[in-house]
Amino acid sequence: MDYKKIILDLSKTQEERIQAAFHLENGTDEESIAALAKALETDPSPIVRHECAFSLGETACSSLAGLPLMKAAKEDPNIFVRHESLLALGTLGEKSFIPFIKEFLHDKDKEIRESAEIALQRIA
């Protein structure tokens, strides 16, 4: 199966796209991470975007996954996608992410503040 196509195919069900995200998290190739990043930015479902953020964190490829996760943490309209994007940054474990994550310690949303704290603990 071509999970890179499935994740971006909106004619597929949310569950099919979520399953594609889980399969892609095991791929550290640029195309797999690019497909996850595109779905994180464009999928209309917050549930799918949340799972894409999680999967990007599991790729262990901070050089490719970091920027899409930062963008989602800052710009996604859904609090759960923002929360998962911060946690995924923490999972990636790059010390260079610390200043960015610290910006969220004073977010208006308690869930985001707590997610930033957890992300920082994961990196430390």
PDB file of N, CA and C in Angstrom:
ATOM      1  N   MET A   1       0.839  -1.195   0.000  1.00  0.00           N
ATOM      2  CA  MET A   1       0.000   0.000   0.000  1.00  0.00           C
ATOM      3  C   MET A   1       0.875   1.246   0.000  1.00  0.00           C
ATOM      4  N   ASP A   2       0.395   2.250  -0.674  1.00  0.00           N
ATOM      5  CA  ASP A   2       1.136   3.514  -0.710  1.00  0.00           C
ATOM      6  C   ASP A   2       0.538   4.459   0.335  1.00  0.00           C
ATOM      7  N   TYR A   3       1.070   4.371   1.533  1.00  0.00           N
ATOM      8  CA  TYR A   3       0.538   5.165   2.644  1.00  0.00           C
ATOM      9  C   TYR A   3       0.742   6.660   2.436  1.00  0.00           C
ATOM     10  N   LYS A   4       1.743   7.018   1.640  1.00  0.00           N
ATOM     11  CA  LYS A   4       1.983   8.441   1.355  1.00  0.00           C
ATOM     12  C   LYS A   4       0.834   9.031   0.543  1.00  0.00           C
ATOM     13  N   LYS A   5       0.206   8.220  -0.279  1.00  0.00           N
ATOM     14  CA  LYS A   5      -0.958   8.685  -1.048  1.00  0.00           C
ATOM     15  C   LYS A   5      -2.224   8.623  -0.201  1.00  0.00           C
ATOM     16  N   ILE A   6      -2.366   7.554   0.557  1.00  0.00           N
ATOM     17  CA  ILE A   6      -3.578   7.371   1.363  1.00  0.00           C
ATOM     18  C   ILE A   6      -3.761   8.517   2.348  1.00  0.00           C
ATOM     19  N   ILE A   7      -2.678   8.932   3.004  1.00  0.00           N
ATOM     20  CA  ILE A   7      -2.797   9.960   4.042  1.00  0.00           C
ATOM     21  C   ILE A   7      -3.279  11.295   3.476  1.00  0.00           C
ATOM     22  N   LEU A   8      -3.028  11.526   2.194  1.00  0.00           N
ATOM     23  CA  LEU A   8      -3.417  12.797   1.571  1.00  0.00           C
ATOM     24  C   LEU A   8      -4.704  12.695   0.766  1.00  0.00           C
ATOM     25  N   ASP A   9      -5.281  11.509   0.706  1.00  0.00           N
ATOM     26  CA  ASP A   9      -6.482  11.265  -0.098  1.00  0.00           C
ATOM     27  C   ASP A   9      -7.724  11.469   0.767  1.00  0.00           C
ATOM     28  N   LEU A  10      -8.377  12.601   0.585  1.00  0.00           N
ATOM     29  CA  LEU A  10      -9.540  12.932   1.419  1.00  0.00           C
ATOM     30  C   LEU A  10     -10.769  12.090   1.093  1.00  0.00           C
ATOM     31  N   SER A  11     -10.704  11.288   0.031  1.00  0.00           N
ATOM     32  CA  SER A  11     -11.807  10.365  -0.233  1.00  0.00           C
ATOM     33  C   SER A  11     -11.697   9.132   0.670  1.00  0.00           C
ATOM     34  N   LYS A  12     -10.542   8.955   1.309  1.00  0.00           N
ATOM     35  CA  LYS A  12     -10.365   7.872   2.280  1.00  0.00           C
ATOM     36  C   LYS A  12     -10.992   8.304   3.602  1.00  0.00           C
ATOM     37  N   THR A  13     -11.362   7.330   4.422  1.00  0.00           N
ATOM     38  CA  THR A  13     -11.961   7.654   5.719  1.00  0.00           C
ATOM     39  C   THR A  13     -10.899   8.219   6.663  1.00  0.00           C
ATOM     40  N   GLN A  14     -11.363   8.859   7.719  1.00  0.00           N
ATOM     41  CA  GLN A  14     -10.427   9.344   8.742  1.00  0.00           C
ATOM     42  C   GLN A  14      -9.594   8.186   9.279  1.00  0.00           C
ATOM     43  N   GLU A  15     -10.238   7.056   9.526  1.00  0.00           N
ATOM     44  CA  GLU A  15      -9.517   5.899  10.068  1.00  0.00           C
ATOM     45  C   GLU A  15      -8.430   5.424   9.108  1.00  0.00           C
ATOM     46  N   GLU A  16      -8.713   5.399   7.824  1.00  0.00           N
ATOM     47  CA  GLU A  16      -7.697   4.988   6.850  1.00  0.00           C
ATOM     48  C   GLU A  16      -6.517   5.963   6.845  1.00  0.00           C
ATOM     49  N   ARG A  17      -6.824   7.253   6.951  1.00  0.00           N
ATOM     50  CA  ARG A  17      -5.753   8.254   6.968  1.00  0.00           C
ATOM     51  C   ARG A  17      -4.943   8.165   8.265  1.00  0.00           C
ATOM     52  N   ILE A  18      -5.610   7.902   9.378  1.00  0.00           N
ATOM     53  CA  ILE A  18      -4.913   7.729  10.655  1.00  0.00           C
ATOM     54  C   ILE A  18      -4.005   6.503  10.598  1.00  0.00           C
ATOM     55  N   GLN A  19      -4.505   5.407  10.061  1.00  0.00           N
ATOM     56  CA  GLN A  19      -3.680   4.201   9.937  1.00  0.00           C
ATOM     57  C   GLN A  19      -2.475   4.454   9.043  1.00  0.00           C
ATOM     58  N   ALA A  20      -2.666   5.234   7.988  1.00  0.00           N
ATOM     59  CA  ALA A  20      -1.545   5.593   7.114  1.00  0.00           C
ATOM     60  C   ALA A  20      -0.497   6.379   7.898  1.00  0.00           C
ATOM     61  N   ALA A  21      -0.950   7.284   8.763  1.00  0.00           N
ATOM     62  CA  ALA A  21      -0.011   8.063   9.583  1.00  0.00           C
ATOM     63  C   ALA A  21       0.822   7.141  10.462  1.00  0.00           C
ATOM     64  N   PHE A  22       0.185   6.153  11.057  1.00  0.00           N
ATOM     65  CA  PHE A  22       0.920   5.229  11.921  1.00  0.00           C
ATOM     66  C   PHE A  22       1.944   4.417  11.129  1.00  0.00           C
ATOM     67  N   HIS A  23       1.604   4.037   9.916  1.00  0.00           N
ATOM     68  CA  HIS A  23       2.563   3.302   9.081  1.00  0.00           C
ATOM     69  C   HIS A  23       3.727   4.199   8.669  1.00  0.00           C
ATOM     70  N   LEU A  24       3.437   5.458   8.399  1.00  0.00           N
ATOM     71  CA  LEU A  24       4.481   6.378   7.943  1.00  0.00           C
ATOM     72  C   LEU A  24       5.449   6.776   9.054  1.00  0.00           C
ATOM     73  N   GLU A  25       5.037   6.654  10.306  1.00  0.00           N
ATOM     74  CA  GLU A  25       5.946   7.043  11.392  1.00  0.00           C
ATOM     75  C   GLU A  25       7.178   6.148  11.437  1.00  0.00           C
ATOM     76  N   ASN A  26       7.094   4.990  10.837  1.00  0.00           N
ATOM     77  CA  ASN A  26       8.245   4.083  10.803  1.00  0.00           C
ATOM     78  C   ASN A  26       9.190   4.386   9.653  1.00  0.00           C
ATOM     79  N   GLY A  27       8.764   5.275   8.759  1.00  0.00           N
ATOM     80  CA  GLY A  27       9.616   5.630   7.633  1.00  0.00           C
ATOM     81  C   GLY A  27      10.391   6.898   7.934  1.00  0.00           C
ATOM     82  N   THR A  28      11.684   6.822   7.819  1.00  0.00           N
ATOM     83  CA  THR A  28      12.497   8.014   8.064  1.00  0.00           C
ATOM     84  C   THR A  28      12.914   8.670   6.754  1.00  0.00           C
ATOM     85  N   ASP A  29      12.319   8.213   5.651  1.00  0.00           N
ATOM     86  CA  ASP A  29      12.662   8.830   4.371  1.00  0.00           C
ATOM     87  C   ASP A  29      11.940  10.169   4.235  1.00  0.00           C
ATOM     88  N   GLU A  30      12.515  11.011   3.442  1.00  0.00           N
ATOM     89  CA  GLU A  30      12.004  12.372   3.277  1.00  0.00           C
ATOM     90  C   GLU A  30      10.566  12.393   2.762  1.00  0.00           C
ATOM     91  N   GLU A  31      10.217  11.467   1.869  1.00  0.00           N
ATOM     92  CA  GLU A  31       8.869  11.449   1.294  1.00  0.00           C
ATOM     93  C   GLU A  31       7.807  11.108   2.344  1.00  0.00           C
ATOM     94  N   SER A  32       8.109  10.170   3.231  1.00  0.00           N
ATOM     95  CA  SER A  32       7.152   9.805   4.286  1.00  0.00           C
ATOM     96  C   SER A  32       6.914  10.973   5.231  1.00  0.00           C
ATOM     97  N   ILE A  33       7.990  11.619   5.626  1.00  0.00           N
ATOM     98  CA  ILE A  33       7.868  12.748   6.546  1.00  0.00           C
ATOM     99  C   ILE A  33       7.176  13.922   5.861  1.00  0.00           C
ATOM    100  N   ALA A  34       7.451  14.127   4.583  1.00  0.00           N
ATOM    101  CA  ALA A  34       6.784  15.202   3.837  1.00  0.00           C
ATOM    102  C   ALA A  34       5.283  14.948   3.742  1.00  0.00           C
ATOM    103  N   ALA A  35       4.879  13.689   3.559  1.00  0.00           N
ATOM    104  CA  ALA A  35       3.450  13.363   3.488  1.00  0.00           C
ATOM    105  C   ALA A  35       2.779  13.622   4.837  1.00  0.00           C
ATOM    106  N   LEU A  36       3.435  13.221   5.923  1.00  0.00           N
ATOM    107  CA  LEU A  36       2.890  13.494   7.258  1.00  0.00           C
ATOM    108  C   LEU A  36       2.780  14.996   7.502  1.00  0.00           C
ATOM    109  N   ALA A  37       3.804  15.734   7.115  1.00  0.00           N
ATOM    110  CA  ALA A  37       3.809  17.185   7.325  1.00  0.00           C
ATOM    111  C   ALA A  37       2.704  17.859   6.523  1.00  0.00           C
ATOM    112  N   LYS A  38       2.504  17.414   5.291  1.00  0.00           N
ATOM    113  CA  LYS A  38       1.450  18.012   4.458  1.00  0.00           C
ATOM    114  C   LYS A  38       0.076  17.718   5.051  1.00  0.00           C
ATOM    115  N   ALA A  39      -0.132  16.487   5.502  1.00  0.00           N
ATOM    116  CA  ALA A  39      -1.413  16.143   6.120  1.00  0.00           C
ATOM    117  C   ALA A  39      -1.620  16.919   7.416  1.00  0.00           C
ATOM    118  N   LEU A  40      -0.561  17.114   8.181  1.00  0.00           N
ATOM    119  CA  LEU A  40      -0.652  17.909   9.411  1.00  0.00           C
ATOM    120  C   LEU A  40      -1.121  19.322   9.101  1.00  0.00           C
ATOM    121  N   GLU A  41      -0.686  19.853   7.993  1.00  0.00           N
ATOM    122  CA  GLU A  41      -1.047  21.223   7.634  1.00  0.00           C
ATOM    123  C   GLU A  41      -2.402  21.328   6.940  1.00  0.00           C
ATOM    124  N   THR A  42      -2.800  20.305   6.182  1.00  0.00           N
ATOM    125  CA  THR A  42      -3.946  20.482   5.287  1.00  0.00           C
ATOM    126  C   THR A  42      -5.162  19.615   5.573  1.00  0.00           C
ATOM    127  N   ASP A  43      -5.033  18.553   6.347  1.00  0.00           N
ATOM    128  CA  ASP A  43      -6.188  17.678   6.545  1.00  0.00           C
ATOM    129  C   ASP A  43      -7.284  18.442   7.286  1.00  0.00           C
ATOM    130  N   PRO A  44      -8.529  18.320   6.832  1.00  0.00           N
ATOM    131  CA  PRO A  44      -9.611  19.050   7.504  1.00  0.00           C
ATOM    132  C   PRO A  44      -9.975  18.484   8.881  1.00  0.00           C
ATOM    133  N   SER A  45      -9.546  17.267   9.168  1.00  0.00           N
ATOM    134  CA  SER A  45      -9.906  16.633  10.434  1.00  0.00           C
ATOM    135  C   SER A  45      -8.856  16.890  11.512  1.00  0.00           C
ATOM    136  N   PRO A  46      -9.248  17.509  12.627  1.00  0.00           N
ATOM    137  CA  PRO A  46      -8.301  17.693  13.728  1.00  0.00           C
ATOM    138  C   PRO A  46      -7.784  16.361  14.278  1.00  0.00           C
ATOM    139  N   ILE A  47      -8.595  15.326  14.200  1.00  0.00           N
ATOM    140  CA  ILE A  47      -8.172  14.015  14.698  1.00  0.00           C
ATOM    141  C   ILE A  47      -7.018  13.486  13.853  1.00  0.00           C
ATOM    142  N   VAL A  48      -7.141  13.605  12.546  1.00  0.00           N
ATOM    143  CA  VAL A  48      -6.070  13.151  11.652  1.00  0.00           C
ATOM    144  C   VAL A  48      -4.828  14.012  11.853  1.00  0.00           C
ATOM    145  N   ARG A  49      -5.012  15.329  11.959  1.00  0.00           N
ATOM    146  CA  ARG A  49      -3.857  16.214  12.173  1.00  0.00           C
ATOM    147  C   ARG A  49      -3.145  15.870  13.481  1.00  0.00           C
ATOM    148  N   HIS A  50      -3.911  15.585  14.528  1.00  0.00           N
ATOM    149  CA  HIS A  50      -3.347  15.188  15.818  1.00  0.00           C
ATOM    150  C   HIS A  50      -2.478  13.945  15.649  1.00  0.00           C
ATOM    151  N   GLU A  51      -2.987  12.947  14.946  1.00  0.00           N
ATOM    152  CA  GLU A  51      -2.232  11.708  14.758  1.00  0.00           C
ATOM    153  C   GLU A  51      -1.004  11.927  13.881  1.00  0.00           C
ATOM    154  N   CYS A  52      -1.095  12.843  12.936  1.00  0.00           N
ATOM    155  CA  CYS A  52       0.077  13.175  12.114  1.00  0.00           C
ATOM    156  C   CYS A  52       1.164  13.813  12.976  1.00  0.00           C
ATOM    157  N   ALA A  53       0.765  14.689  13.884  1.00  0.00           N
ATOM    158  CA  ALA A  53       1.740  15.304  14.792  1.00  0.00           C
ATOM    159  C   ALA A  53       2.411  14.232  15.642  1.00  0.00           C
ATOM    160  N   PHE A  54       1.609  13.334  16.193  1.00  0.00           N
ATOM    161  CA  PHE A  54       2.167  12.243  16.993  1.00  0.00           C
ATOM    162  C   PHE A  54       3.166  11.436  16.170  1.00  0.00           C
ATOM    163  N   SER A  55       2.768  11.068  14.963  1.00  0.00           N
ATOM    164  CA  SER A  55       3.620  10.241  14.105  1.00  0.00           C
ATOM    165  C   SER A  55       4.905  10.958  13.721  1.00  0.00           C
ATOM    166  N   LEU A  56       4.833  12.252  13.487  1.00  0.00           N
ATOM    167  CA  LEU A  56       6.054  13.007  13.184  1.00  0.00           C
ATOM    168  C   LEU A  56       7.030  12.954  14.357  1.00  0.00           C
ATOM    169  N   GLY A  57       6.512  12.992  15.563  1.00  0.00           N
ATOM    170  CA  GLY A  57       7.376  12.886  16.733  1.00  0.00           C
ATOM    171  C   GLY A  57       8.036  11.527  16.850  1.00  0.00           C
ATOM    172  N   GLU A  58       7.350  10.506  16.374  1.00  0.00           N
ATOM    173  CA  GLU A  58       7.883   9.148  16.452  1.00  0.00           C
ATOM    174  C   GLU A  58       8.905   8.847  15.361  1.00  0.00           C
ATOM    175  N   THR A  59       9.026   9.703  14.358  1.00  0.00           N
ATOM    176  CA  THR A  59       9.955   9.434  13.259  1.00  0.00           C
ATOM    177  C   THR A  59      11.408   9.536  13.689  1.00  0.00           C
ATOM    178  N   ALA A  60      11.671  10.227  14.778  1.00  0.00           N
ATOM    179  CA  ALA A  60      13.047  10.447  15.253  1.00  0.00           C
ATOM    180  C   ALA A  60      13.889  11.173  14.213  1.00  0.00           C
ATOM    181  N   CYS A  61      13.239  11.971  13.394  1.00  0.00           N
ATOM    182  CA  CYS A  61      13.956  12.722  12.357  1.00  0.00           C
ATOM    183  C   CYS A  61      13.673  14.210  12.563  1.00  0.00           C
ATOM    184  N   SER A  62      14.315  14.781  13.559  1.00  0.00           N
ATOM    185  CA  SER A  62      14.024  16.158  13.948  1.00  0.00           C
ATOM    186  C   SER A  62      14.350  17.166  12.858  1.00  0.00           C
ATOM    187  N   SER A  63      15.323  16.860  12.010  1.00  0.00           N
ATOM    188  CA  SER A  63      15.701  17.827  10.974  1.00  0.00           C
ATOM    189  C   SER A  63      14.580  18.036   9.963  1.00  0.00           C
ATOM    190  N   LEU A  64      13.756  17.020   9.734  1.00  0.00           N
ATOM    191  CA  LEU A  64      12.648  17.154   8.789  1.00  0.00           C
ATOM    192  C   LEU A  64      11.311  17.407   9.476  1.00  0.00           C
ATOM    193  N   ALA A  65      11.116  16.855  10.656  1.00  0.00           N
ATOM    194  CA  ALA A  65       9.820  16.947  11.331  1.00  0.00           C
ATOM    195  C   ALA A  65       9.669  18.201  12.187  1.00  0.00           C
ATOM    196  N   GLY A  66      10.764  18.810  12.596  1.00  0.00           N
ATOM    197  CA  GLY A  66      10.706  19.934  13.527  1.00  0.00           C
ATOM    198  C   GLY A  66       9.908  21.127  13.035  1.00  0.00           C
ATOM    199  N   LEU A  67      10.190  21.590  11.837  1.00  0.00           N
ATOM    200  CA  LEU A  67       9.505  22.797  11.340  1.00  0.00           C
ATOM    201  C   LEU A  67       8.001  22.613  11.174  1.00  0.00           C
ATOM    202  N   PRO A  68       7.524  21.505  10.577  1.00  0.00           N
ATOM    203  CA  PRO A  68       6.067  21.340  10.489  1.00  0.00           C
ATOM    204  C   PRO A  68       5.400  21.279  11.862  1.00  0.00           C
ATOM    205  N   LEU A  69       6.073  20.655  12.823  1.00  0.00           N
ATOM    206  CA  LEU A  69       5.510  20.587  14.175  1.00  0.00           C
ATOM    207  C   LEU A  69       5.487  21.955  14.839  1.00  0.00           C
ATOM    208  N   MET A  70       6.523  22.746  14.632  1.00  0.00           N
ATOM    209  CA  MET A  70       6.542  24.105  15.188  1.00  0.00           C
ATOM    210  C   MET A  70       5.414  24.941  14.594  1.00  0.00           C
ATOM    211  N   LYS A  71       5.232  24.818  13.297  1.00  0.00           N
ATOM    212  CA  LYS A  71       4.169  25.586  12.636  1.00  0.00           C
ATOM    213  C   LYS A  71       2.804  25.191  13.197  1.00  0.00           C
ATOM    214  N   ALA A  72       2.573  23.893  13.352  1.00  0.00           N
ATOM    215  CA  ALA A  72       1.289  23.432  13.886  1.00  0.00           C
ATOM    216  C   ALA A  72       1.103  23.869  15.333  1.00  0.00           C
ATOM    217  N   ALA A  73       2.160  23.804  16.128  1.00  0.00           N
ATOM    218  CA  ALA A  73       2.067  24.219  17.536  1.00  0.00           C
ATOM    219  C   ALA A  73       1.670  25.679  17.644  1.00  0.00           C
ATOM    220  N   LYS A  74       2.137  26.474  16.714  1.00  0.00           N
ATOM    221  CA  LYS A  74       1.877  27.916  16.752  1.00  0.00           C
ATOM    222  C   LYS A  74       0.569  28.302  16.063  1.00  0.00           C
ATOM    223  N   GLU A  75       0.218  27.615  14.968  1.00  0.00           N
ATOM    224  CA  GLU A  75      -0.850  28.113  14.102  1.00  0.00           C
ATOM    225  C   GLU A  75      -2.113  27.264  14.020  1.00  0.00           C
ATOM    226  N   ASP A  76      -2.060  25.999  14.409  1.00  0.00           N
ATOM    227  CA  ASP A  76      -3.255  25.172  14.222  1.00  0.00           C
ATOM    228  C   ASP A  76      -4.397  25.710  15.079  1.00  0.00           C
ATOM    229  N   PRO A  77      -5.601  25.776  14.520  1.00  0.00           N
ATOM    230  CA  PRO A  77      -6.729  26.307  15.287  1.00  0.00           C
ATOM    231  C   PRO A  77      -7.243  25.355  16.370  1.00  0.00           C
ATOM    232  N   ASN A  78      -6.829  24.090  16.322  1.00  0.00           N
ATOM    233  CA  ASN A  78      -7.330  23.109  17.276  1.00  0.00           C
ATOM    234  C   ASN A  78      -6.333  22.906  18.417  1.00  0.00           C
ATOM    235  N   ILE A  79      -6.800  23.059  19.631  1.00  0.00           N
ATOM    236  CA  ILE A  79      -5.920  22.971  20.800  1.00  0.00           C
ATOM    237  C   ILE A  79      -5.265  21.599  20.932  1.00  0.00           C
ATOM    238  N   PHE A  80      -5.963  20.536  20.521  1.00  0.00           N
ATOM    239  CA  PHE A  80      -5.398  19.198  20.663  1.00  0.00           C
ATOM    240  C   PHE A  80      -4.281  18.944  19.657  1.00  0.00           C
ATOM    241  N   VAL A  81      -4.366  19.570  18.505  1.00  0.00           N
ATOM    242  CA  VAL A  81      -3.287  19.469  17.520  1.00  0.00           C
ATOM    243  C   VAL A  81      -2.078  20.253  18.020  1.00  0.00           C
ATOM    244  N   ARG A  82      -2.332  21.432  18.574  1.00  0.00           N
ATOM    245  CA  ARG A  82      -1.234  22.231  19.133  1.00  0.00           C
ATOM    246  C   ARG A  82      -0.552  21.476  20.276  1.00  0.00           C
ATOM    247  N   HIS A  83      -1.368  20.893  21.153  1.00  0.00           N
ATOM    248  CA  HIS A  83      -0.857  20.113  22.288  1.00  0.00           C
ATOM    249  C   HIS A  83       0.022  18.965  21.797  1.00  0.00           C
ATOM    250  N   GLU A  84      -0.470  18.188  20.838  1.00  0.00           N
ATOM    251  CA  GLU A  84       0.286  17.022  20.363  1.00  0.00           C
ATOM    252  C   GLU A  84       1.546  17.436  19.617  1.00  0.00           C
ATOM    253  N   SER A  85       1.493  18.567  18.936  1.00  0.00           N
ATOM    254  CA  SER A  85       2.680  19.067  18.228  1.00  0.00           C
ATOM    255  C   SER A  85       3.789  19.416  19.214  1.00  0.00           C
ATOM    256  N   LEU A  86       3.422  20.028  20.328  1.00  0.00           N
ATOM    257  CA  LEU A  86       4.423  20.335  21.359  1.00  0.00           C
ATOM    258  C   LEU A  86       5.007  19.059  21.962  1.00  0.00           C
ATOM    259  N   LEU A  87       4.145  18.098  22.269  1.00  0.00           N
ATOM    260  CA  LEU A  87       4.638  16.843  22.828  1.00  0.00           C
ATOM    261  C   LEU A  87       5.559  16.130  21.843  1.00  0.00           C
ATOM    262  N   ALA A  88       5.209  16.179  20.561  1.00  0.00           N
ATOM    263  CA  ALA A  88       6.036  15.532  19.536  1.00  0.00           C
ATOM    264  C   ALA A  88       7.409  16.193  19.443  1.00  0.00           C
ATOM    265  N   LEU A  89       7.445  17.506  19.579  1.00  0.00           N
ATOM    266  CA  LEU A  89       8.744  18.195  19.594  1.00  0.00           C
ATOM    267  C   LEU A  89       9.586  17.699  20.768  1.00  0.00           C
ATOM    268  N   GLY A  90       8.945  17.513  21.906  1.00  0.00           N
ATOM    269  CA  GLY A  90       9.657  16.977  23.060  1.00  0.00           C
ATOM    270  C   GLY A  90      10.149  15.563  22.818  1.00  0.00           C
ATOM    271  N   THR A  91       9.342  14.760  22.161  1.00  0.00           N
ATOM    272  CA  THR A  91       9.732  13.386  21.848  1.00  0.00           C
ATOM    273  C   THR A  91      10.939  13.358  20.925  1.00  0.00           C
ATOM    274  N   LEU A  92      10.999  14.287  19.989  1.00  0.00           N
ATOM    275  CA  LEU A  92      12.152  14.350  19.091  1.00  0.00           C
ATOM    276  C   LEU A  92      13.436  14.667  19.857  1.00  0.00           C
ATOM    277  N   GLY A  93      13.302  15.401  20.961  1.00  0.00           N
ATOM    278  CA  GLY A  93      14.405  15.565  21.895  1.00  0.00           C
ATOM    279  C   GLY A  93      15.521  16.524  21.526  1.00  0.00           C
ATOM    280  N   GLU A  94      15.299  17.375  20.566  1.00  0.00           N
ATOM    281  CA  GLU A  94      16.346  18.319  20.148  1.00  0.00           C
ATOM    282  C   GLU A  94      16.442  19.489  21.122  1.00  0.00           C
ATOM    283  N   LYS A  95      17.606  19.696  21.673  1.00  0.00           N
ATOM    284  CA  LYS A  95      17.793  20.823  22.598  1.00  0.00           C
ATOM    285  C   LYS A  95      17.541  22.165  21.908  1.00  0.00           C
ATOM    286  N   SER A  96      17.744  22.221  20.608  1.00  0.00           N
ATOM    287  CA  SER A  96      17.509  23.473  19.877  1.00  0.00           C
ATOM    288  C   SER A  96      16.033  23.865  19.867  1.00  0.00           C
ATOM    289  N   PHE A  97      15.130  22.944  20.204  1.00  0.00           N
ATOM    290  CA  PHE A  97      13.698  23.251  20.266  1.00  0.00           C
ATOM    291  C   PHE A  97      13.306  23.940  21.573  1.00  0.00           C
ATOM    292  N   ILE A  98      14.176  23.900  22.572  1.00  0.00           N
ATOM    293  CA  ILE A  98      13.828  24.405  23.905  1.00  0.00           C
ATOM    294  C   ILE A  98      13.351  25.857  23.888  1.00  0.00           C
ATOM    295  N   PRO A  99      14.054  26.801  23.250  1.00  0.00           N
ATOM    296  CA  PRO A  99      13.562  28.187  23.268  1.00  0.00           C
ATOM    297  C   PRO A  99      12.164  28.324  22.655  1.00  0.00           C
ATOM    298  N   PHE A 100      11.912  27.587  21.581  1.00  0.00           N
ATOM    299  CA  PHE A 100      10.588  27.639  20.954  1.00  0.00           C
ATOM    300  C   PHE A 100       9.526  27.112  21.914  1.00  0.00           C
ATOM    301  N   ILE A 101       9.776  25.971  22.513  1.00  0.00           N
ATOM    302  CA  ILE A 101       8.795  25.366  23.419  1.00  0.00           C
ATOM    303  C   ILE A 101       8.546  26.259  24.632  1.00  0.00           C
ATOM    304  N   LYS A 102       9.585  26.907  25.128  1.00  0.00           N
ATOM    305  CA  LYS A 102       9.432  27.789  26.296  1.00  0.00           C
ATOM    306  C   LYS A 102       8.450  28.927  26.035  1.00  0.00           C
ATOM    307  N   GLU A 103       8.287  29.327  24.783  1.00  0.00           N
ATOM    308  CA  GLU A 103       7.326  30.384  24.449  1.00  0.00           C
ATOM    309  C   GLU A 103       5.907  30.011  24.873  1.00  0.00           C
ATOM    310  N   PHE A 104       5.635  28.717  25.000  1.00  0.00           N
ATOM    311  CA  PHE A 104       4.279  28.258  25.300  1.00  0.00           C
ATOM    312  C   PHE A 104       4.028  28.076  26.798  1.00  0.00           C
ATOM    313  N   LEU A 105       5.030  28.332  27.615  1.00  0.00           N
ATOM    314  CA  LEU A 105       4.854  28.193  29.060  1.00  0.00           C
ATOM    315  C   LEU A 105       3.896  29.232  29.631  1.00  0.00           C
ATOM    316  N   HIS A 106       3.631  30.283  28.860  1.00  0.00           N
ATOM    317  CA  HIS A 106       2.719  31.342  29.308  1.00  0.00           C
ATOM    318  C   HIS A 106       1.522  31.473  28.377  1.00  0.00           C
ATOM    319  N   ASP A 107       1.199  30.399  27.664  1.00  0.00           N
ATOM    320  CA  ASP A 107       0.055  30.400  26.752  1.00  0.00           C
ATOM    321  C   ASP A 107      -1.232  30.619  27.538  1.00  0.00           C
ATOM    322  N   LYS A 108      -2.232  31.156  26.871  1.00  0.00           N
ATOM    323  CA  LYS A 108      -3.512  31.411  27.542  1.00  0.00           C
ATOM    324  C   LYS A 108      -4.233  30.116  27.915  1.00  0.00           C
ATOM    325  N   ASP A 109      -3.933  29.036  27.196  1.00  0.00           N
ATOM    326  CA  ASP A 109      -4.588  27.753  27.456  1.00  0.00           C
ATOM    327  C   ASP A 109      -3.741  26.882  28.386  1.00  0.00           C
ATOM    328  N   LYS A 110      -4.369  26.451  29.469  1.00  0.00           N
ATOM    329  CA  LYS A 110      -3.677  25.623  30.459  1.00  0.00           C
ATOM    330  C   LYS A 110      -3.113  24.350  29.826  1.00  0.00           C
ATOM    331  N   GLU A 111      -3.877  23.730  28.925  1.00  0.00           N
ATOM    332  CA  GLU A 111      -3.433  22.486  28.293  1.00  0.00           C
ATOM    333  C   GLU A 111      -2.149  22.690  27.490  1.00  0.00           C
ATOM    334  N   ILE A 112      -2.034  23.842  26.872  1.00  0.00           N
ATOM    335  CA  ILE A 112      -0.836  24.147  26.082  1.00  0.00           C
ATOM    336  C   ILE A 112       0.344  24.402  27.017  1.00  0.00           C
ATOM    337  N   ARG A 113       0.115  25.129  28.090  1.00  0.00           N
ATOM    338  CA  ARG A 113       1.185  25.358  29.074  1.00  0.00           C
ATOM    339  C   ARG A 113       1.705  24.027  29.622  1.00  0.00           C
ATOM    340  N   GLU A 114       0.773  23.142  29.976  1.00  0.00           N
ATOM    341  CA  GLU A 114       1.161  21.839  30.519  1.00  0.00           C
ATOM    342  C   GLU A 114       1.888  20.991  29.477  1.00  0.00           C
ATOM    343  N   SER A 115       1.452  21.066  28.233  1.00  0.00           N
ATOM    344  CA  SER A 115       2.116  20.321  27.158  1.00  0.00           C
ATOM    345  C   SER A 115       3.544  20.814  26.964  1.00  0.00           C
ATOM    346  N   ALA A 116       3.733  22.121  27.060  1.00  0.00           N
ATOM    347  CA  ALA A 116       5.082  22.687  26.941  1.00  0.00           C
ATOM    348  C   ALA A 116       5.968  22.188  28.080  1.00  0.00           C
ATOM    349  N   GLU A 117       5.425  22.139  29.288  1.00  0.00           N
ATOM    350  CA  GLU A 117       6.196  21.635  30.430  1.00  0.00           C
ATOM    351  C   GLU A 117       6.621  20.183  30.206  1.00  0.00           C
ATOM    352  N   ILE A 118       5.696  19.367  29.735  1.00  0.00           N
ATOM    353  CA  ILE A 118       6.004  17.954  29.486  1.00  0.00           C
ATOM    354  C   ILE A 118       7.044  17.824  28.377  1.00  0.00           C
ATOM    355  N   ALA A 119       6.885  18.608  27.317  1.00  0.00           N
ATOM    356  CA  ALA A 119       7.844  18.564  26.205  1.00  0.00           C
ATOM    357  C   ALA A 119       9.245  18.915  26.687  1.00  0.00           C
ATOM    358  N   LEU A 120       9.344  19.930  27.529  1.00  0.00           N
ATOM    359  CA  LEU A 120      10.653  20.321  28.065  1.00  0.00           C
ATOM    360  C   LEU A 120      11.238  19.222  28.952  1.00  0.00           C
ATOM    361  N   GLN A 121      10.393  18.556  29.727  1.00  0.00           N
ATOM    362  CA  GLN A 121      10.868  17.446  30.562  1.00  0.00           C
ATOM    363  C   GLN A 121      11.392  16.304  29.698  1.00  0.00           C
ATOM    364  N   ARG A 122      10.759  16.065  28.565  1.00  0.00           N
ATOM    365  CA  ARG A 122      11.204  14.991  27.671  1.00  0.00           C
ATOM    366  C   ARG A 122      12.587  15.287  27.095  1.00  0.00           C
ATOM    367  N   ILE A 123      12.872  16.554  26.881  1.00  0.00           N
ATOM    368  CA  ILE A 123      14.157  16.927  26.289  1.00  0.00           C
ATOM    369  C   ILE A 123      15.269  16.927  27.330  1.00  0.00           C
ATOM    370  N   ALA A 124      14.928  17.343  28.545  1.00  0.00           N
ATOM    371  CA  ALA A 124      15.951  17.505  29.600  1.00  0.00           C
ATOM    372  C   ALA A 124      16.640  16.224  29.993  1.00  0.00           C
TER     373      ALA A 124
END
